[in-house]
Amino acid sequence: MKAIISKISLQDGTLVRHKVTGYQGMIEGTTEIKTCFTKGGSLLTVPLSKETFQYRVAVSGESMRHIAPAEDLEILDAMAKVVCFGCQYVFRSKP
């Protein structure tokens, strides 16, 4: 299931691929540290971004997290919050 991200909020655990640099990993939260922000795979020299956060992406085998805006990411396998109608328990599941 491949989709282009457009103004949606990604859940932790969503598998994504960076459109420019090609790394692949899972969303692991967000960051609001503008000095880490990237665009098109490159670090922004002047943090003039209007965005309030960017996604942290954990790549298997790498200790450092990658930072990317939603428009630089392609969803490979989305996670979703599902609510059980019977008990109202909320859990994560792949659609």
PDB file of N, CA and C in Angstrom:
ATOM      1  N   MET A   1       0.845  -1.173   0.000  1.00  0.00           N
ATOM      2  CA  MET A   1       0.000   0.000   0.000  1.00  0.00           C
ATOM      3  C   MET A   1       0.887   1.231   0.000  1.00  0.00           C
ATOM      4  N   LYS A   2       1.033   1.895  -1.111  1.00  0.00           N
ATOM      5  CA  LYS A   2       1.827   3.103  -1.202  1.00  0.00           C
ATOM      6  C   LYS A   2       0.893   4.288  -1.367  1.00  0.00           C
ATOM      7  N   ALA A   3       1.208   5.351  -0.680  1.00  0.00           N
ATOM      8  CA  ALA A   3       0.400   6.556  -0.779  1.00  0.00           C
ATOM      9  C   ALA A   3       1.287   7.760  -0.554  1.00  0.00           C
ATOM     10  N   ILE A   4       0.895   8.882  -1.093  1.00  0.00           N
ATOM     11  CA  ILE A   4       1.625  10.124  -0.868  1.00  0.00           C
ATOM     12  C   ILE A   4       0.982  10.835   0.302  1.00  0.00           C
ATOM     13  N   ILE A   5       1.815  11.354   1.181  1.00  0.00           N
ATOM     14  CA  ILE A   5       1.340  12.029   2.384  1.00  0.00           C
ATOM     15  C   ILE A   5       0.859  13.426   2.028  1.00  0.00           C
ATOM     16  N   SER A   6      -0.334  13.782   2.489  1.00  0.00           N
ATOM     17  CA  SER A   6      -0.833  15.124   2.236  1.00  0.00           C
ATOM     18  C   SER A   6      -1.625  15.606   3.434  1.00  0.00           C
ATOM     19  N   LYS A   7      -1.008  16.467   4.204  1.00  0.00           N
ATOM     20  CA  LYS A   7      -1.654  17.120   5.343  1.00  0.00           C
ATOM     21  C   LYS A   7      -2.357  16.137   6.280  1.00  0.00           C
ATOM     22  N   ILE A   8      -1.703  15.028   6.592  1.00  0.00           N
ATOM     23  CA  ILE A   8      -2.252  14.096   7.555  1.00  0.00           C
ATOM     24  C   ILE A   8      -1.256  13.908   8.675  1.00  0.00           C
ATOM     25  N   SER A   9      -1.723  13.424   9.781  1.00  0.00           N
ATOM     26  CA  SER A   9      -0.855  13.155  10.914  1.00  0.00           C
ATOM     27  C   SER A   9      -0.489  11.676  10.886  1.00  0.00           C
ATOM     28  N   LEU A  10       0.806  11.395  10.929  1.00  0.00           N
ATOM     29  CA  LEU A  10       1.265  10.013  10.881  1.00  0.00           C
ATOM     30  C   LEU A  10       1.402   9.447  12.281  1.00  0.00           C
ATOM     31  N   GLN A  11       0.953   8.244  12.474  1.00  0.00           N
ATOM     32  CA  GLN A  11       1.045   7.553  13.756  1.00  0.00           C
ATOM     33  C   GLN A  11       2.432   6.950  13.917  1.00  0.00           C
ATOM     34  N   ASP A  12       2.893   6.856  15.155  1.00  0.00           N
ATOM     35  CA  ASP A  12       4.132   6.136  15.429  1.00  0.00           C
ATOM     36  C   ASP A  12       3.986   4.709  14.912  1.00  0.00           C
ATOM     37  N   GLY A  13       5.044   4.185  14.313  1.00  0.00           N
ATOM     38  CA  GLY A  13       5.009   2.829  13.778  1.00  0.00           C
ATOM     39  C   GLY A  13       4.687   2.758  12.301  1.00  0.00           C
ATOM     40  N   THR A  14       4.317   3.889  11.684  1.00  0.00           N
ATOM     41  CA  THR A  14       4.032   3.912  10.255  1.00  0.00           C
ATOM     42  C   THR A  14       5.337   3.745   9.485  1.00  0.00           C
ATOM     43  N   LEU A  15       5.374   2.800   8.548  1.00  0.00           N
ATOM     44  CA  LEU A  15       6.555   2.561   7.729  1.00  0.00           C
ATOM     45  C   LEU A  15       6.562   3.558   6.575  1.00  0.00           C
ATOM     46  N   VAL A  16       7.674   4.309   6.443  1.00  0.00           N
ATOM     47  CA  VAL A  16       7.782   5.338   5.406  1.00  0.00           C
ATOM     48  C   VAL A  16       9.107   5.216   4.665  1.00  0.00           C
ATOM     49  N   ARG A  17       9.163   5.833   3.486  1.00  0.00           N
ATOM     50  CA  ARG A  17      10.396   5.936   2.703  1.00  0.00           C
ATOM     51  C   ARG A  17      10.574   7.405   2.346  1.00  0.00           C
ATOM     52  N   HIS A  18      11.824   7.893   2.454  1.00  0.00           N
ATOM     53  CA  HIS A  18      12.120   9.274   2.079  1.00  0.00           C
ATOM     54  C   HIS A  18      12.168   9.360   0.560  1.00  0.00           C
ATOM     55  N   LYS A  19      11.443  10.298  -0.019  1.00  0.00           N
ATOM     56  CA  LYS A  19      11.319  10.396  -1.474  1.00  0.00           C
ATOM     57  C   LYS A  19      12.620  10.774  -2.172  1.00  0.00           C
ATOM     58  N   VAL A  20      13.493  11.523  -1.509  1.00  0.00           N
ATOM     59  CA  VAL A  20      14.729  11.988  -2.146  1.00  0.00           C
ATOM     60  C   VAL A  20      15.914  11.090  -1.817  1.00  0.00           C
ATOM     61  N   THR A  21      16.178  10.862  -0.538  1.00  0.00           N
ATOM     62  CA  THR A  21      17.365  10.103  -0.147  1.00  0.00           C
ATOM     63  C   THR A  21      17.138   8.599  -0.120  1.00  0.00           C
ATOM     64  N   GLY A  22      15.885   8.157  -0.052  1.00  0.00           N
ATOM     65  CA  GLY A  22      15.564   6.743  -0.167  1.00  0.00           C
ATOM     66  C   GLY A  22      15.627   5.905   1.095  1.00  0.00           C
ATOM     67  N   TYR A  23      16.028   6.506   2.244  1.00  0.00           N
ATOM     68  CA  TYR A  23      16.037   5.677   3.451  1.00  0.00           C
ATOM     69  C   TYR A  23      14.616   5.271   3.805  1.00  0.00           C
ATOM     70  N   GLN A  24      14.508   4.153   4.495  1.00  0.00           N
ATOM     71  CA  GLN A  24      13.211   3.591   4.860  1.00  0.00           C
ATOM     72  C   GLN A  24      13.223   3.273   6.341  1.00  0.00           C
ATOM     73  N   GLY A  25      12.156   3.635   7.042  1.00  0.00           N
ATOM     74  CA  GLY A  25      12.081   3.365   8.468  1.00  0.00           C
ATOM     75  C   GLY A  25      10.695   3.618   9.009  1.00  0.00           C
ATOM     76  N   MET A  26      10.592   3.600  10.337  1.00  0.00           N
ATOM     77  CA  MET A  26       9.301   3.784  11.000  1.00  0.00           C
ATOM     78  C   MET A  26       9.253   5.122  11.714  1.00  0.00           C
ATOM     79  N   ILE A  27       8.089   5.753  11.656  1.00  0.00           N
ATOM     80  CA  ILE A  27       7.865   6.995  12.386  1.00  0.00           C
ATOM     81  C   ILE A  27       8.007   6.697  13.868  1.00  0.00           C
ATOM     82  N   GLU A  28       8.807   7.522  14.536  1.00  0.00           N
ATOM     83  CA  GLU A  28       9.025   7.363  15.965  1.00  0.00           C
ATOM     84  C   GLU A  28       8.919   8.734  16.624  1.00  0.00           C
ATOM     85  N   GLY A  29       7.749   9.315  16.519  1.00  0.00           N
ATOM     86  CA  GLY A  29       7.506  10.601  17.159  1.00  0.00           C
ATOM     87  C   GLY A  29       7.826  11.783  16.268  1.00  0.00           C
ATOM     88  N   THR A  30       7.848  12.952  16.901  1.00  0.00           N
ATOM     89  CA  THR A  30       8.116  14.199  16.194  1.00  0.00           C
ATOM     90  C   THR A  30       9.166  14.997  16.958  1.00  0.00           C
ATOM     91  N   THR A  31       9.674  16.019  16.297  1.00  0.00           N
ATOM     92  CA  THR A  31      10.573  16.952  16.956  1.00  0.00           C
ATOM     93  C   THR A  31      10.148  18.372  16.621  1.00  0.00           C
ATOM     94  N   GLU A  32      10.354  19.268  17.555  1.00  0.00           N
ATOM     95  CA  GLU A  32      10.078  20.686  17.338  1.00  0.00           C
ATOM     96  C   GLU A  32      11.375  21.486  17.324  1.00  0.00           C
ATOM     97  N   ILE A  33      12.523  20.800  17.311  1.00  0.00           N
ATOM     98  CA  ILE A  33      13.830  21.456  17.307  1.00  0.00           C
ATOM     99  C   ILE A  33      14.131  21.904  15.876  1.00  0.00           C
ATOM    100  N   LYS A  34      13.891  23.169  15.581  1.00  0.00           N
ATOM    101  CA  LYS A  34      14.000  23.677  14.215  1.00  0.00           C
ATOM    102  C   LYS A  34      15.410  23.599  13.642  1.00  0.00           C
ATOM    103  N   THR A  35      16.430  23.555  14.473  1.00  0.00           N
ATOM    104  CA  THR A  35      17.803  23.447  13.955  1.00  0.00           C
ATOM    105  C   THR A  35      18.070  22.074  13.349  1.00  0.00           C
ATOM    106  N   CYS A  36      17.182  21.110  13.576  1.00  0.00           N
ATOM    107  CA  CYS A  36      17.309  19.761  12.999  1.00  0.00           C
ATOM    108  C   CYS A  36      16.456  19.594  11.743  1.00  0.00           C
ATOM    109  N   PHE A  37      15.621  20.567  11.413  1.00  0.00           N
ATOM    110  CA  PHE A  37      14.672  20.420  10.311  1.00  0.00           C
ATOM    111  C   PHE A  37      15.386  20.248   8.968  1.00  0.00           C
ATOM    112  N   THR A  38      14.776  19.434   8.113  1.00  0.00           N
ATOM    113  CA  THR A  38      15.298  19.188   6.771  1.00  0.00           C
ATOM    114  C   THR A  38      14.219  19.475   5.740  1.00  0.00           C
ATOM    115  N   LYS A  39      14.637  19.579   4.492  1.00  0.00           N
ATOM    116  CA  LYS A  39      13.709  19.708   3.376  1.00  0.00           C
ATOM    117  C   LYS A  39      14.410  19.107   2.166  1.00  0.00           C
ATOM    118  N   GLY A  40      13.752  18.174   1.491  1.00  0.00           N
ATOM    119  CA  GLY A  40      14.352  17.520   0.339  1.00  0.00           C
ATOM    120  C   GLY A  40      15.591  16.719   0.680  1.00  0.00           C
ATOM    121  N   GLY A  41      15.704  16.290   1.936  1.00  0.00           N
ATOM    122  CA  GLY A  41      16.832  15.484   2.352  1.00  0.00           C
ATOM    123  C   GLY A  41      18.036  16.273   2.838  1.00  0.00           C
ATOM    124  N   SER A  42      17.973  17.607   2.798  1.00  0.00           N
ATOM    125  CA  SER A  42      19.092  18.438   3.234  1.00  0.00           C
ATOM    126  C   SER A  42      18.707  19.246   4.461  1.00  0.00           C
ATOM    127  N   LEU A  43      19.685  19.433   5.341  1.00  0.00           N
ATOM    128  CA  LEU A  43      19.478  20.233   6.534  1.00  0.00           C
ATOM    129  C   LEU A  43      19.209  21.671   6.128  1.00  0.00           C
ATOM    130  N   LEU A  44      18.186  22.285   6.735  1.00  0.00           N
ATOM    131  CA  LEU A  44      17.890  23.685   6.455  1.00  0.00           C
ATOM    132  C   LEU A  44      18.961  24.546   7.118  1.00  0.00           C
ATOM    133  N   THR A  45      19.611  25.396   6.334  1.00  0.00           N
ATOM    134  CA  THR A  45      20.666  26.253   6.889  1.00  0.00           C
ATOM    135  C   THR A  45      20.095  27.337   7.779  1.00  0.00           C
ATOM    136  N   VAL A  46      18.966  27.868   7.404  1.00  0.00           N
ATOM    137  CA  VAL A  46      18.279  28.860   8.220  1.00  0.00           C
ATOM    138  C   VAL A  46      16.900  28.307   8.533  1.00  0.00           C
ATOM    139  N   PRO A  47      16.609  28.048   9.806  1.00  0.00           N
ATOM    140  CA  PRO A  47      15.314  27.428  10.145  1.00  0.00           C
ATOM    141  C   PRO A  47      14.152  28.398   9.978  1.00  0.00           C
ATOM    142  N   LEU A  48      13.769  28.657   8.735  1.00  0.00           N
ATOM    143  CA  LEU A  48      12.659  29.562   8.441  1.00  0.00           C
ATOM    144  C   LEU A  48      11.350  28.829   8.219  1.00  0.00           C
ATOM    145  N   SER A  49      11.335  27.554   8.483  1.00  0.00           N
ATOM    146  CA  SER A  49      10.158  26.729   8.238  1.00  0.00           C
ATOM    147  C   SER A  49       8.959  27.201   9.045  1.00  0.00           C
ATOM    148  N   LYS A  50       7.799  27.213   8.398  1.00  0.00           N
ATOM    149  CA  LYS A  50       6.556  27.559   9.080  1.00  0.00           C
ATOM    150  C   LYS A  50       5.997  26.353   9.840  1.00  0.00           C
ATOM    151  N   GLU A  51       6.550  25.179   9.557  1.00  0.00           N
ATOM    152  CA  GLU A  51       6.091  23.965  10.226  1.00  0.00           C
ATOM    153  C   GLU A  51       6.447  24.027  11.706  1.00  0.00           C
ATOM    154  N   THR A  52       5.573  23.487  12.535  1.00  0.00           N
ATOM    155  CA  THR A  52       5.835  23.481  13.975  1.00  0.00           C
ATOM    156  C   THR A  52       6.589  22.232  14.408  1.00  0.00           C
ATOM    157  N   PHE A  53       6.583  21.178  13.572  1.00  0.00           N
ATOM    158  CA  PHE A  53       7.306  19.948  13.898  1.00  0.00           C
ATOM    159  C   PHE A  53       7.649  19.198  12.620  1.00  0.00           C
ATOM    160  N   GLN A  54       8.571  18.237  12.751  1.00  0.00           N
ATOM    161  CA  GLN A  54       8.873  17.288  11.687  1.00  0.00           C
ATOM    162  C   GLN A  54       8.940  15.902  12.314  1.00  0.00           C
ATOM    163  N   TYR A  55       8.830  14.883  11.476  1.00  0.00           N
ATOM    164  CA  TYR A  55       8.805  13.504  11.961  1.00  0.00           C
ATOM    165  C   TYR A  55      10.206  12.961  12.178  1.00  0.00           C
ATOM    166  N   ARG A  56      10.362  12.164  13.243  1.00  0.00           N
ATOM    167  CA  ARG A  56      11.585  11.398  13.480  1.00  0.00           C
ATOM    168  C   ARG A  56      11.366  10.021  12.864  1.00  0.00           C
ATOM    169  N   VAL A  57      12.333   9.572  12.081  1.00  0.00           N
ATOM    170  CA  VAL A  57      12.228   8.266  11.424  1.00  0.00           C
ATOM    171  C   VAL A  57      13.368   7.388  11.905  1.00  0.00           C
ATOM    172  N   ALA A  58      13.010   6.252  12.506  1.00  0.00           N
ATOM    173  CA  ALA A  58      14.005   5.281  12.975  1.00  0.00           C
ATOM    174  C   ALA A  58      14.291   4.295  11.849  1.00  0.00           C
ATOM    175  N   VAL A  59      15.560   4.242  11.442  1.00  0.00           N
ATOM    176  CA  VAL A  59      15.987   3.327  10.393  1.00  0.00           C
ATOM    177  C   VAL A  59      16.702   2.157  11.060  1.00  0.00           C
ATOM    178  N   SER A  60      16.315   0.934  10.715  1.00  0.00           N
ATOM    179  CA  SER A  60      16.901  -0.265  11.296  1.00  0.00           C
ATOM    180  C   SER A  60      18.414  -0.269  11.111  1.00  0.00           C
ATOM    181  N   GLY A  61      19.139  -0.520  12.214  1.00  0.00           N
ATOM    182  CA  GLY A  61      20.590  -0.591  12.167  1.00  0.00           C
ATOM    183  C   GLY A  61      21.292   0.738  12.366  1.00  0.00           C
ATOM    184  N   GLU A  62      20.541   1.832  12.469  1.00  0.00           N
ATOM    185  CA  GLU A  62      21.136   3.150  12.675  1.00  0.00           C
ATOM    186  C   GLU A  62      20.731   3.677  14.045  1.00  0.00           C
ATOM    187  N   SER A  63      21.688   4.231  14.778  1.00  0.00           N
ATOM    188  CA  SER A  63      21.383   4.728  16.119  1.00  0.00           C
ATOM    189  C   SER A  63      20.757   6.127  16.098  1.00  0.00           C
ATOM    190  N   MET A  64      21.086   6.927  15.087  1.00  0.00           N
ATOM    191  CA  MET A  64      20.530   8.283  14.977  1.00  0.00           C
ATOM    192  C   MET A  64      19.209   8.244  14.204  1.00  0.00           C
ATOM    193  N   ARG A  65      18.281   9.096  14.606  1.00  0.00           N
ATOM    194  CA  ARG A  65      17.005   9.201  13.903  1.00  0.00           C
ATOM    195  C   ARG A  65      17.129  10.212  12.771  1.00  0.00           C
ATOM    196  N   HIS A  66      16.442   9.959  11.671  1.00  0.00           N
ATOM    197  CA  HIS A  66      16.359  10.925  10.582  1.00  0.00           C
ATOM    198  C   HIS A  66      15.189  11.852  10.878  1.00  0.00           C
ATOM    199  N   ILE A  67      15.282  13.095  10.415  1.00  0.00           N
ATOM    200  CA  ILE A  67      14.210  14.079  10.593  1.00  0.00           C
ATOM    201  C   ILE A  67      13.724  14.472   9.206  1.00  0.00           C
ATOM    202  N   ALA A  68      12.393  14.508   9.022  1.00  0.00           N
ATOM    203  CA  ALA A  68      11.854  14.868   7.707  1.00  0.00           C
ATOM    204  C   ALA A  68      10.449  15.444   7.835  1.00  0.00           C
ATOM    205  N   PRO A  69      10.108  16.387   6.948  1.00  0.00           N
ATOM    206  CA  PRO A  69       8.736  16.883   6.902  1.00  0.00           C
ATOM    207  C   PRO A  69       7.838  15.863   6.202  1.00  0.00           C
ATOM    208  N   ALA A  70       6.569  15.947   6.429  1.00  0.00           N
ATOM    209  CA  ALA A  70       5.621  14.986   5.846  1.00  0.00           C
ATOM    210  C   ALA A  70       5.696  14.945   4.328  1.00  0.00           C
ATOM    211  N   GLU A  71       5.909  16.094   3.675  1.00  0.00           N
ATOM    212  CA  GLU A  71       5.917  16.104   2.207  1.00  0.00           C
ATOM    213  C   GLU A  71       7.121  15.374   1.611  1.00  0.00           C
ATOM    214  N   ASP A  72       8.154  15.114   2.404  1.00  0.00           N
ATOM    215  CA  ASP A  72       9.313  14.363   1.918  1.00  0.00           C
ATOM    216  C   ASP A  72       9.156  12.860   2.114  1.00  0.00           C
ATOM    217  N   LEU A  73       8.071  12.427   2.741  1.00  0.00           N
ATOM    218  CA  LEU A  73       7.893  11.008   3.061  1.00  0.00           C
ATOM    219  C   LEU A  73       6.779  10.375   2.250  1.00  0.00           C
ATOM    220  N   GLU A  74       6.974   9.105   1.951  1.00  0.00           N
ATOM    221  CA  GLU A  74       5.978   8.291   1.250  1.00  0.00           C
ATOM    222  C   GLU A  74       5.567   7.161   2.193  1.00  0.00           C
ATOM    223  N   ILE A  75       4.275   6.990   2.411  1.00  0.00           N
ATOM    224  CA  ILE A  75       3.786   5.931   3.297  1.00  0.00           C
ATOM    225  C   ILE A  75       3.896   4.590   2.586  1.00  0.00           C
ATOM    226  N   LEU A  76       4.527   3.630   3.263  1.00  0.00           N
ATOM    227  CA  LEU A  76       4.619   2.278   2.719  1.00  0.00           C
ATOM    228  C   LEU A  76       3.628   1.348   3.409  1.00  0.00           C
ATOM    229  N   ASP A  77       3.454   1.532   4.702  1.00  0.00           N
ATOM    230  CA  ASP A  77       2.549   0.675   5.474  1.00  0.00           C
ATOM    231  C   ASP A  77       2.054   1.482   6.669  1.00  0.00           C
ATOM    232  N   ALA A  78       0.817   1.915   6.620  1.00  0.00           N
ATOM    233  CA  ALA A  78       0.288   2.830   7.633  1.00  0.00           C
ATOM    234  C   ALA A  78      -0.223   2.106   8.870  1.00  0.00           C
ATOM    235  N   MET A  79      -0.031   2.755  10.004  1.00  0.00           N
ATOM    236  CA  MET A  79      -0.619   2.301  11.260  1.00  0.00           C
ATOM    237  C   MET A  79      -1.863   3.159  11.485  1.00  0.00           C
ATOM    238  N   ALA A  80      -2.838   2.591  12.144  1.00  0.00           N
ATOM    239  CA  ALA A  80      -4.058   3.337  12.430  1.00  0.00           C
ATOM    240  C   ALA A  80      -4.544   2.987  13.821  1.00  0.00           C
ATOM    241  N   LYS A  81      -5.215   3.938  14.451  1.00  0.00           N
ATOM    242  CA  LYS A  81      -5.849   3.659  15.741  1.00  0.00           C
ATOM    243  C   LYS A  81      -7.229   3.082  15.465  1.00  0.00           C
ATOM    244  N   VAL A  82      -7.517   1.957  16.087  1.00  0.00           N
ATOM    245  CA  VAL A  82      -8.797   1.280  15.903  1.00  0.00           C
ATOM    246  C   VAL A  82      -9.480   1.214  17.266  1.00  0.00           C
ATOM    247  N   VAL A  83     -10.776   1.524  17.283  1.00  0.00           N
ATOM    248  CA  VAL A  83     -11.552   1.477  18.520  1.00  0.00           C
ATOM    249  C   VAL A  83     -12.494   0.290  18.452  1.00  0.00           C
ATOM    250  N   CYS A  84     -12.427  -0.585  19.459  1.00  0.00           N
ATOM    251  CA  CYS A  84     -13.316  -1.736  19.533  1.00  0.00           C
ATOM    252  C   CYS A  84     -14.711  -1.240  19.889  1.00  0.00           C
ATOM    253  N   PHE A  85     -15.696  -1.614  19.100  1.00  0.00           N
ATOM    254  CA  PHE A  85     -17.066  -1.165  19.356  1.00  0.00           C
ATOM    255  C   PHE A  85     -17.629  -1.761  20.638  1.00  0.00           C
ATOM    256  N   GLY A  86     -17.196  -2.962  20.983  1.00  0.00           N
ATOM    257  CA  GLY A  86     -17.712  -3.639  22.168  1.00  0.00           C
ATOM    258  C   GLY A  86     -17.184  -3.079  23.472  1.00  0.00           C
ATOM    259  N   CYS A  87     -15.850  -2.961  23.579  1.00  0.00           N
ATOM    260  CA  CYS A  87     -15.259  -2.548  24.860  1.00  0.00           C
ATOM    261  C   CYS A  87     -14.656  -1.148  24.835  1.00  0.00           C
ATOM    262  N   GLN A  88     -14.649  -0.507  23.676  1.00  0.00           N
ATOM    263  CA  GLN A  88     -14.102   0.836  23.487  1.00  0.00           C
ATOM    264  C   GLN A  88     -12.597   0.907  23.693  1.00  0.00           C
ATOM    265  N   TYR A  89     -11.901  -0.244  23.666  1.00  0.00           N
ATOM    266  CA  TYR A  89     -10.450  -0.276  23.788  1.00  0.00           C
ATOM    267  C   TYR A  89      -9.837   0.258  22.498  1.00  0.00           C
ATOM    268  N   VAL A  90      -8.814   1.127  22.622  1.00  0.00           N
ATOM    269  CA  VAL A  90      -8.139   1.674  21.452  1.00  0.00           C
ATOM    270  C   VAL A  90      -6.813   0.933  21.270  1.00  0.00           C
ATOM    271  N   PHE A  91      -6.575   0.424  20.047  1.00  0.00           N
ATOM    272  CA  PHE A  91      -5.325  -0.274  19.774  1.00  0.00           C
ATOM    273  C   PHE A  91      -4.844   0.109  18.383  1.00  0.00           C
ATOM    274  N   ARG A  92      -3.570  -0.199  18.111  1.00  0.00           N
ATOM    275  CA  ARG A  92      -3.003   0.102  16.791  1.00  0.00           C
ATOM    276  C   ARG A  92      -3.087  -1.121  15.914  1.00  0.00           C
ATOM    277  N   SER A  93      -3.404  -0.888  14.673  1.00  0.00           N
ATOM    278  CA  SER A  93      -3.484  -1.973  13.721  1.00  0.00           C
ATOM    279  C   SER A  93      -3.175  -1.434  12.336  1.00  0.00           C
ATOM    280  N   LYS A  94      -2.723  -2.306  11.475  1.00  0.00           N
ATOM    281  CA  LYS A  94      -2.528  -1.924  10.085  1.00  0.00           C
ATOM    282  C   LYS A  94      -3.872  -2.015   9.393  1.00  0.00           C
ATOM    283  N   PRO A  95      -4.185  -1.045   8.539  1.00  0.00           N
ATOM    284  CA  PRO A  95      -5.496  -1.086   7.843  1.00  0.00           C
ATOM    285  C   PRO A  95      -5.575  -2.245   6.870  1.00  0.00           C
TER     286      PRO A  95
END
